[in-house]
Amino acid sequence: MSPSVGKHALQGKRTFITPPIPDWIASLAHPLYRNIFSFGLGNRNLWGTETLLGDWNGRYLLVAKDFYPASYIKEAVTRGVADPYRHSPSAPTNRNLLKTLKHFGQLPAVPDSCGCGFLYISACFLLRNDDKVRGPLPDAEAVLRLSAPVVQFTIDHMPNLKTVVLMGGEARDAARIGGMIDLAARRGLRMFEVSHPSYAMSDVQRFAQWAPVFSLA
């Protein structure tokens, strides 16, 4: 099916360098989840986290568990938020992540999302719709397999990708279930595992985990 450049594009609100999103991605479905495109937001970005780190030409791919649940988008739409599919730099998880990247000199004081060198995505593309905010993903293996082609689409559209960082156990499981490890091996990519940025640890411990990621950068 041909990509729909305009059908799912939000014009004039944010600048993204996201490739055209194919209709098959916008049509993915699971009974316990909701596809972001089903909300009719007109979002140009494939991943909500692109608003934080969204460089498709970058050398680093950061993979976490999932985006916020569908209830977050529903509530934001009800409140009249025009652009709810985004990640705020002020959220504790994102502050930890940005602090870590800045510690290693990888980001300027005010990073440009589309030129930062990193693309931040979720192992689970669909948004959980089981009225829970956190905890294990429902029907995790099935939804991670369903999300795997979206992750592969992302990797296939990152021409300069060199390093994949799996942030948290769910990202590691998704790499195994969805074949990301094999895909990375075929592409000759370096792959690292670190704790999720929300995991409670000291900066010293977090930086020690991330040090090998940038040791040969």
C-alpha atoms as a PDB file:
ATOM      1  CA  MET A   1       0.000   0.000   0.000  1.00  0.00           C
ATOM      2  CA  SER A   2       1.379   3.383  -0.925  1.00  0.00           C
ATOM      3  CA  PRO A   3       2.419   5.892   1.752  1.00  0.00           C
ATOM      4  CA  SER A   4      -0.089   8.615   2.601  1.00  0.00           C
ATOM      5  CA  VAL A   5       1.911  11.810   2.774  1.00  0.00           C
ATOM      6  CA  GLY A   6      -0.947  14.209   3.366  1.00  0.00           C
ATOM      7  CA  LYS A   7      -3.611  11.978   4.870  1.00  0.00           C
ATOM      8  CA  HIS A   8      -1.863  11.640   8.235  1.00  0.00           C
ATOM      9  CA  ALA A   9       0.139  14.891   8.142  1.00  0.00           C
ATOM     10  CA  LEU A  10      -0.338  17.744  10.573  1.00  0.00           C
ATOM     11  CA  GLN A  11       0.557  20.968   8.836  1.00  0.00           C
ATOM     12  CA  GLY A  12       1.961  24.058  10.500  1.00  0.00           C
ATOM     13  CA  LYS A  13       2.155  22.909  14.140  1.00  0.00           C
ATOM     14  CA  ARG A  14       5.518  21.164  14.398  1.00  0.00           C
ATOM     15  CA  THR A  15       8.397  20.441  12.098  1.00  0.00           C
ATOM     16  CA  PHE A  16       9.331  16.767  11.784  1.00  0.00           C
ATOM     17  CA  ILE A  17      11.600  14.876   9.417  1.00  0.00           C
ATOM     18  CA  THR A  18       9.540  11.708   9.793  1.00  0.00           C
ATOM     19  CA  PRO A  19       9.297   9.752   6.528  1.00  0.00           C
ATOM     20  CA  PRO A  20       5.852   9.368   4.951  1.00  0.00           C
ATOM     21  CA  ILE A  21       3.847   6.996   7.130  1.00  0.00           C
ATOM     22  CA  PRO A  22       2.377   4.017   5.257  1.00  0.00           C
ATOM     23  CA  ASP A  23      -1.309   3.209   5.620  1.00  0.00           C
ATOM     24  CA  TRP A  24      -0.519  -0.235   7.023  1.00  0.00           C
ATOM     25  CA  ILE A  25       1.006   1.395  10.108  1.00  0.00           C
ATOM     26  CA  ALA A  26      -1.998   3.679  10.585  1.00  0.00           C
ATOM     27  CA  SER A  27      -4.253   0.602  10.329  1.00  0.00           C
ATOM     28  CA  LEU A  28      -2.539  -1.666  12.875  1.00  0.00           C
ATOM     29  CA  ALA A  29      -5.004  -2.857  15.525  1.00  0.00           C
ATOM     30  CA  HIS A  30      -5.218  -4.973  18.673  1.00  0.00           C
ATOM     31  CA  PRO A  31      -8.343  -5.303  20.865  1.00  0.00           C
ATOM     32  CA  LEU A  32      -6.518  -4.113  24.006  1.00  0.00           C
ATOM     33  CA  TYR A  33      -4.746  -1.205  22.313  1.00  0.00           C
ATOM     34  CA  ARG A  34      -5.446   1.849  20.224  1.00  0.00           C
ATOM     35  CA  ASN A  35      -3.535   3.165  17.239  1.00  0.00           C
ATOM     36  CA  ILE A  36      -2.563   6.826  17.610  1.00  0.00           C
ATOM     37  CA  PHE A  37      -3.838   7.482  14.088  1.00  0.00           C
ATOM     38  CA  SER A  38      -7.340   6.380  15.078  1.00  0.00           C
ATOM     39  CA  PHE A  39      -7.683   9.628  17.066  1.00  0.00           C
ATOM     40  CA  GLY A  40      -7.629  11.724  13.898  1.00  0.00           C
ATOM     41  CA  LEU A  41      -5.077  14.147  15.319  1.00  0.00           C
ATOM     42  CA  GLY A  42      -3.362  14.613  11.980  1.00  0.00           C
ATOM     43  CA  ASN A  43       0.016  14.012  13.638  1.00  0.00           C
ATOM     44  CA  ARG A  44       3.010  14.100  11.305  1.00  0.00           C
ATOM     45  CA  ASN A  45       5.205  12.174  13.762  1.00  0.00           C
ATOM     46  CA  LEU A  46       5.167   8.386  13.942  1.00  0.00           C
ATOM     47  CA  TRP A  47       6.417   8.313  17.541  1.00  0.00           C
ATOM     48  CA  GLY A  48       5.262  10.674  20.282  1.00  0.00           C
ATOM     49  CA  THR A  49       8.827  10.764  21.586  1.00  0.00           C
ATOM     50  CA  GLU A  50      10.027  12.393  18.357  1.00  0.00           C
ATOM     51  CA  THR A  51       9.065  15.707  19.932  1.00  0.00           C
ATOM     52  CA  LEU A  52      11.873  15.125  22.441  1.00  0.00           C
ATOM     53  CA  LEU A  53      14.488  13.352  20.308  1.00  0.00           C
ATOM     54  CA  GLY A  54      13.387  12.984  16.711  1.00  0.00           C
ATOM     55  CA  ASP A  55      16.417  12.813  14.424  1.00  0.00           C
ATOM     56  CA  TRP A  56      15.800  10.178  11.730  1.00  0.00           C
ATOM     57  CA  ASN A  57      19.256  10.998  10.348  1.00  0.00           C
ATOM     58  CA  GLY A  58      20.860  10.362  13.716  1.00  0.00           C
ATOM     59  CA  ARG A  59      23.379   7.690  14.665  1.00  0.00           C
ATOM     60  CA  TYR A  60      21.554   6.556  17.807  1.00  0.00           C
ATOM     61  CA  LEU A  61      18.204   4.810  18.247  1.00  0.00           C
ATOM     62  CA  LEU A  62      16.831   4.832  21.800  1.00  0.00           C
ATOM     63  CA  VAL A  63      14.132   2.237  22.519  1.00  0.00           C
ATOM     64  CA  ALA A  64      11.885   2.267  25.612  1.00  0.00           C
ATOM     65  CA  LYS A  65       8.759   0.287  26.540  1.00  0.00           C
ATOM     66  CA  ASP A  66       5.816   2.323  25.268  1.00  0.00           C
ATOM     67  CA  PHE A  67       4.328   5.781  24.981  1.00  0.00           C
ATOM     68  CA  TYR A  68       1.670   7.011  27.386  1.00  0.00           C
ATOM     69  CA  PRO A  69      -1.582   4.969  27.434  1.00  0.00           C
ATOM     70  CA  ALA A  70      -4.523   5.802  25.183  1.00  0.00           C
ATOM     71  CA  SER A  71      -6.302   7.349  28.185  1.00  0.00           C
ATOM     72  CA  TYR A  72      -3.647  10.104  28.223  1.00  0.00           C
ATOM     73  CA  ILE A  73      -4.516  11.076  24.647  1.00  0.00           C
ATOM     74  CA  LYS A  74      -8.271  10.862  25.313  1.00  0.00           C
ATOM     75  CA  GLU A  75      -8.015  13.145  28.345  1.00  0.00           C
ATOM     76  CA  ALA A  76      -5.804  15.619  26.499  1.00  0.00           C
ATOM     77  CA  VAL A  77      -8.250  15.780  23.591  1.00  0.00           C
ATOM     78  CA  THR A  78     -11.102  16.362  26.054  1.00  0.00           C
ATOM     79  CA  ARG A  79      -9.159  19.264  27.577  1.00  0.00           C
ATOM     80  CA  GLY A  80      -8.688  20.755  24.141  1.00  0.00           C
ATOM     81  CA  VAL A  81      -4.946  20.092  23.845  1.00  0.00           C
ATOM     82  CA  ALA A  82      -4.150  20.587  20.168  1.00  0.00           C
ATOM     83  CA  ASP A  83      -0.972  18.487  20.049  1.00  0.00           C
ATOM     84  CA  PRO A  84      -1.155  15.712  22.688  1.00  0.00           C
ATOM     85  CA  TYR A  85       1.102  13.165  20.964  1.00  0.00           C
ATOM     86  CA  ARG A  86       4.320  14.506  22.400  1.00  0.00           C
ATOM     87  CA  HIS A  87       6.826  14.096  25.236  1.00  0.00           C
ATOM     88  CA  SER A  88       7.689  16.950  27.551  1.00  0.00           C
ATOM     89  CA  PRO A  89      11.348  17.634  28.464  1.00  0.00           C
ATOM     90  CA  SER A  90      10.150  18.456  31.992  1.00  0.00           C
ATOM     91  CA  ALA A  91       8.831  14.942  32.744  1.00  0.00           C
ATOM     92  CA  PRO A  92      11.112  13.182  35.286  1.00  0.00           C
ATOM     93  CA  THR A  93      11.905  10.307  32.916  1.00  0.00           C
ATOM     94  CA  ASN A  94      12.854  12.694  30.146  1.00  0.00           C
ATOM     95  CA  ARG A  95      14.880  14.924  32.465  1.00  0.00           C
ATOM     96  CA  ASN A  96      16.957  11.881  33.458  1.00  0.00           C
ATOM     97  CA  LEU A  97      17.481  10.929  29.831  1.00  0.00           C
ATOM     98  CA  LEU A  98      18.432  14.407  28.676  1.00  0.00           C
ATOM     99  CA  LYS A  99      20.723  14.892  31.676  1.00  0.00           C
ATOM    100  CA  THR A 100      22.526  11.670  30.782  1.00  0.00           C
ATOM    101  CA  LEU A 101      23.028  12.594  27.133  1.00  0.00           C
ATOM    102  CA  LYS A 102      24.227  16.070  28.084  1.00  0.00           C
ATOM    103  CA  HIS A 103      26.648  14.579  30.632  1.00  0.00           C
ATOM    104  CA  PHE A 104      28.416  12.801  27.774  1.00  0.00           C
ATOM    105  CA  GLY A 105      28.448  15.938  25.648  1.00  0.00           C
ATOM    106  CA  GLN A 106      25.918  14.547  23.199  1.00  0.00           C
ATOM    107  CA  LEU A 107      23.368  17.359  23.369  1.00  0.00           C
ATOM    108  CA  PRO A 108      23.571  21.151  23.419  1.00  0.00           C
ATOM    109  CA  ALA A 109      21.939  23.039  26.283  1.00  0.00           C
ATOM    110  CA  VAL A 110      18.799  23.472  24.169  1.00  0.00           C
ATOM    111  CA  PRO A 111      18.694  20.487  21.810  1.00  0.00           C
ATOM    112  CA  ASP A 112      17.033  20.605  18.410  1.00  0.00           C
ATOM    113  CA  SER A 113      14.825  17.507  18.267  1.00  0.00           C
ATOM    114  CA  CYS A 114      15.262  16.981  14.530  1.00  0.00           C
ATOM    115  CA  GLY A 115      19.041  17.519  14.535  1.00  0.00           C
ATOM    116  CA  CYS A 116      20.072  16.049  17.874  1.00  0.00           C
ATOM    117  CA  GLY A 117      21.601  12.790  16.597  1.00  0.00           C
ATOM    118  CA  PHE A 118      19.072  10.602  18.469  1.00  0.00           C
ATOM    119  CA  LEU A 119      15.718   9.079  17.584  1.00  0.00           C
ATOM    120  CA  TYR A 120      13.627   7.989  20.580  1.00  0.00           C
ATOM    121  CA  ILE A 121      10.969   5.334  19.957  1.00  0.00           C
ATOM    122  CA  SER A 122       8.850   2.758  21.780  1.00  0.00           C
ATOM    123  CA  ALA A 123       9.103  -1.023  21.563  1.00  0.00           C
ATOM    124  CA  CYS A 124       5.293  -1.067  21.608  1.00  0.00           C
ATOM    125  CA  PHE A 125       3.892   1.220  18.923  1.00  0.00           C
ATOM    126  CA  LEU A 126       0.223   0.860  19.911  1.00  0.00           C
ATOM    127  CA  LEU A 127      -1.163   2.624  22.987  1.00  0.00           C
ATOM    128  CA  ARG A 128      -2.483   0.389  25.751  1.00  0.00           C
ATOM    129  CA  ASN A 129      -6.228   0.848  26.135  1.00  0.00           C
ATOM    130  CA  ASP A 130      -6.925  -1.274  29.227  1.00  0.00           C
ATOM    131  CA  ASP A 131      -7.544   1.648  31.605  1.00  0.00           C
ATOM    132  CA  LYS A 132      -4.146   1.136  33.236  1.00  0.00           C
ATOM    133  CA  VAL A 133      -1.382   3.713  33.236  1.00  0.00           C
ATOM    134  CA  ARG A 134       1.604   1.503  34.037  1.00  0.00           C
ATOM    135  CA  GLY A 135       2.590  -2.085  34.679  1.00  0.00           C
ATOM    136  CA  PRO A 136       3.102  -5.043  32.327  1.00  0.00           C
ATOM    137  CA  LEU A 137       1.718  -4.610  28.835  1.00  0.00           C
ATOM    138  CA  PRO A 138      -1.462  -6.622  28.213  1.00  0.00           C
ATOM    139  CA  ASP A 139      -0.943  -9.491  25.772  1.00  0.00           C
ATOM    140  CA  ALA A 140       2.651  -8.294  25.607  1.00  0.00           C
ATOM    141  CA  GLU A 141       4.131 -10.877  23.261  1.00  0.00           C
ATOM    142  CA  ALA A 142       1.382 -10.429  20.665  1.00  0.00           C
ATOM    143  CA  VAL A 143       1.502  -6.629  20.681  1.00  0.00           C
ATOM    144  CA  LEU A 144       5.303  -6.564  20.543  1.00  0.00           C
ATOM    145  CA  ARG A 145       5.229  -8.853  17.503  1.00  0.00           C
ATOM    146  CA  LEU A 146       2.582  -6.571  15.989  1.00  0.00           C
ATOM    147  CA  SER A 147       4.792  -3.548  16.681  1.00  0.00           C
ATOM    148  CA  ALA A 148       7.970  -5.166  15.331  1.00  0.00           C
ATOM    149  CA  PRO A 149       7.374  -4.145  11.678  1.00  0.00           C
ATOM    150  CA  VAL A 150       6.959  -0.522  12.787  1.00  0.00           C
ATOM    151  CA  VAL A 151      10.303  -0.709  14.575  1.00  0.00           C
ATOM    152  CA  GLN A 152      11.847  -2.271  11.473  1.00  0.00           C
ATOM    153  CA  PHE A 153      10.305   0.478   9.305  1.00  0.00           C
ATOM    154  CA  THR A 154      11.996   2.971  11.607  1.00  0.00           C
ATOM    155  CA  ILE A 155      15.395   1.284  11.440  1.00  0.00           C
ATOM    156  CA  ASP A 156      15.114   0.956   7.656  1.00  0.00           C
ATOM    157  CA  HIS A 157      14.566   4.723   7.423  1.00  0.00           C
ATOM    158  CA  MET A 158      17.593   5.682   9.530  1.00  0.00           C
ATOM    159  CA  PRO A 159      20.433   5.770   6.980  1.00  0.00           C
ATOM    160  CA  ASN A 160      23.109   6.836   9.474  1.00  0.00           C
ATOM    161  CA  LEU A 161      22.148   4.533  12.342  1.00  0.00           C
ATOM    162  CA  LYS A 162      25.100   2.981  14.177  1.00  0.00           C
ATOM    163  CA  THR A 163      23.936   2.273  17.733  1.00  0.00           C
ATOM    164  CA  VAL A 164      20.757   0.932  19.356  1.00  0.00           C
ATOM    165  CA  VAL A 165      20.180   1.469  23.077  1.00  0.00           C
ATOM    166  CA  LEU A 166      17.517  -0.713  24.728  1.00  0.00           C
ATOM    167  CA  MET A 167      16.225   1.160  27.758  1.00  0.00           C
ATOM    168  CA  GLY A 168      14.631  -1.250  30.216  1.00  0.00           C
ATOM    169  CA  GLY A 169      13.612  -4.897  30.320  1.00  0.00           C
ATOM    170  CA  GLU A 170      10.575  -4.479  28.046  1.00  0.00           C
ATOM    171  CA  ALA A 171      12.755  -2.996  25.330  1.00  0.00           C
ATOM    172  CA  ARG A 172      15.114  -5.957  25.685  1.00  0.00           C
ATOM    173  CA  ASP A 173      12.191  -8.392  25.466  1.00  0.00           C
ATOM    174  CA  ALA A 174      10.852  -6.575  22.413  1.00  0.00           C
ATOM    175  CA  ALA A 175      14.234  -6.835  20.713  1.00  0.00           C
ATOM    176  CA  ARG A 176      14.101 -10.576  21.237  1.00  0.00           C
ATOM    177  CA  ILE A 177      10.429 -11.071  20.325  1.00  0.00           C
ATOM    178  CA  GLY A 178      10.405  -8.763  17.331  1.00  0.00           C
ATOM    179  CA  GLY A 179      13.718  -9.834  15.840  1.00  0.00           C
ATOM    180  CA  MET A 180      15.455  -6.505  16.465  1.00  0.00           C
ATOM    181  CA  ILE A 181      18.612  -8.250  17.650  1.00  0.00           C
ATOM    182  CA  ASP A 182      18.945 -10.168  14.392  1.00  0.00           C
ATOM    183  CA  LEU A 183      18.128  -7.062  12.365  1.00  0.00           C
ATOM    184  CA  ALA A 184      20.789  -5.079  14.208  1.00  0.00           C
ATOM    185  CA  ALA A 185      23.323  -7.839  13.591  1.00  0.00           C
ATOM    186  CA  ARG A 186      22.582  -7.832   9.855  1.00  0.00           C
ATOM    187  CA  ARG A 187      23.029  -4.056   9.769  1.00  0.00           C
ATOM    188  CA  GLY A 188      26.235  -4.272  11.814  1.00  0.00           C
ATOM    189  CA  LEU A 189      24.779  -2.079  14.551  1.00  0.00           C
ATOM    190  CA  ARG A 190      26.115  -1.819  18.074  1.00  0.00           C
ATOM    191  CA  MET A 191      23.480  -2.677  20.708  1.00  0.00           C
ATOM    192  CA  PHE A 192      23.487  -1.833  24.404  1.00  0.00           C
ATOM    193  CA  GLU A 193      21.143  -2.451  27.330  1.00  0.00           C
ATOM    194  CA  VAL A 194      20.633   0.159  30.057  1.00  0.00           C
ATOM    195  CA  SER A 195      17.972   0.766  32.697  1.00  0.00           C
ATOM    196  CA  HIS A 196      14.879   2.731  31.755  1.00  0.00           C
ATOM    197  CA  PRO A 197      15.379   6.449  32.525  1.00  0.00           C
ATOM    198  CA  SER A 198      12.600   6.246  35.127  1.00  0.00           C
ATOM    199  CA  TYR A 199      14.464   3.601  37.128  1.00  0.00           C
ATOM    200  CA  ALA A 200      15.536   4.903  40.531  1.00  0.00           C
ATOM    201  CA  MET A 201      19.327   5.134  40.649  1.00  0.00           C
ATOM    202  CA  SER A 202      21.989   7.741  41.256  1.00  0.00           C
ATOM    203  CA  ASP A 203      23.422   9.804  38.437  1.00  0.00           C
ATOM    204  CA  VAL A 204      26.755   8.066  38.995  1.00  0.00           C
ATOM    205  CA  GLN A 205      25.148   4.652  38.491  1.00  0.00           C
ATOM    206  CA  ARG A 206      23.187   5.797  35.453  1.00  0.00           C
ATOM    207  CA  PHE A 207      26.207   7.400  33.824  1.00  0.00           C
ATOM    208  CA  ALA A 208      28.238   4.222  34.426  1.00  0.00           C
ATOM    209  CA  GLN A 209      25.633   2.200  32.538  1.00  0.00           C
ATOM    210  CA  TRP A 210      25.692   4.613  29.609  1.00  0.00           C
ATOM    211  CA  ALA A 211      29.463   5.072  29.405  1.00  0.00           C
ATOM    212  CA  PRO A 212      30.049   2.094  27.042  1.00  0.00           C
ATOM    213  CA  VAL A 213      27.461   3.517  24.613  1.00  0.00           C
ATOM    214  CA  PHE A 214      29.676   6.509  23.913  1.00  0.00           C
ATOM    215  CA  SER A 215      33.076   4.933  24.537  1.00  0.00           C
ATOM    216  CA  LEU A 216      33.699   4.335  20.818  1.00  0.00           C
ATOM    217  CA  ALA A 217      31.489   7.119  19.498  1.00  0.00           C
END
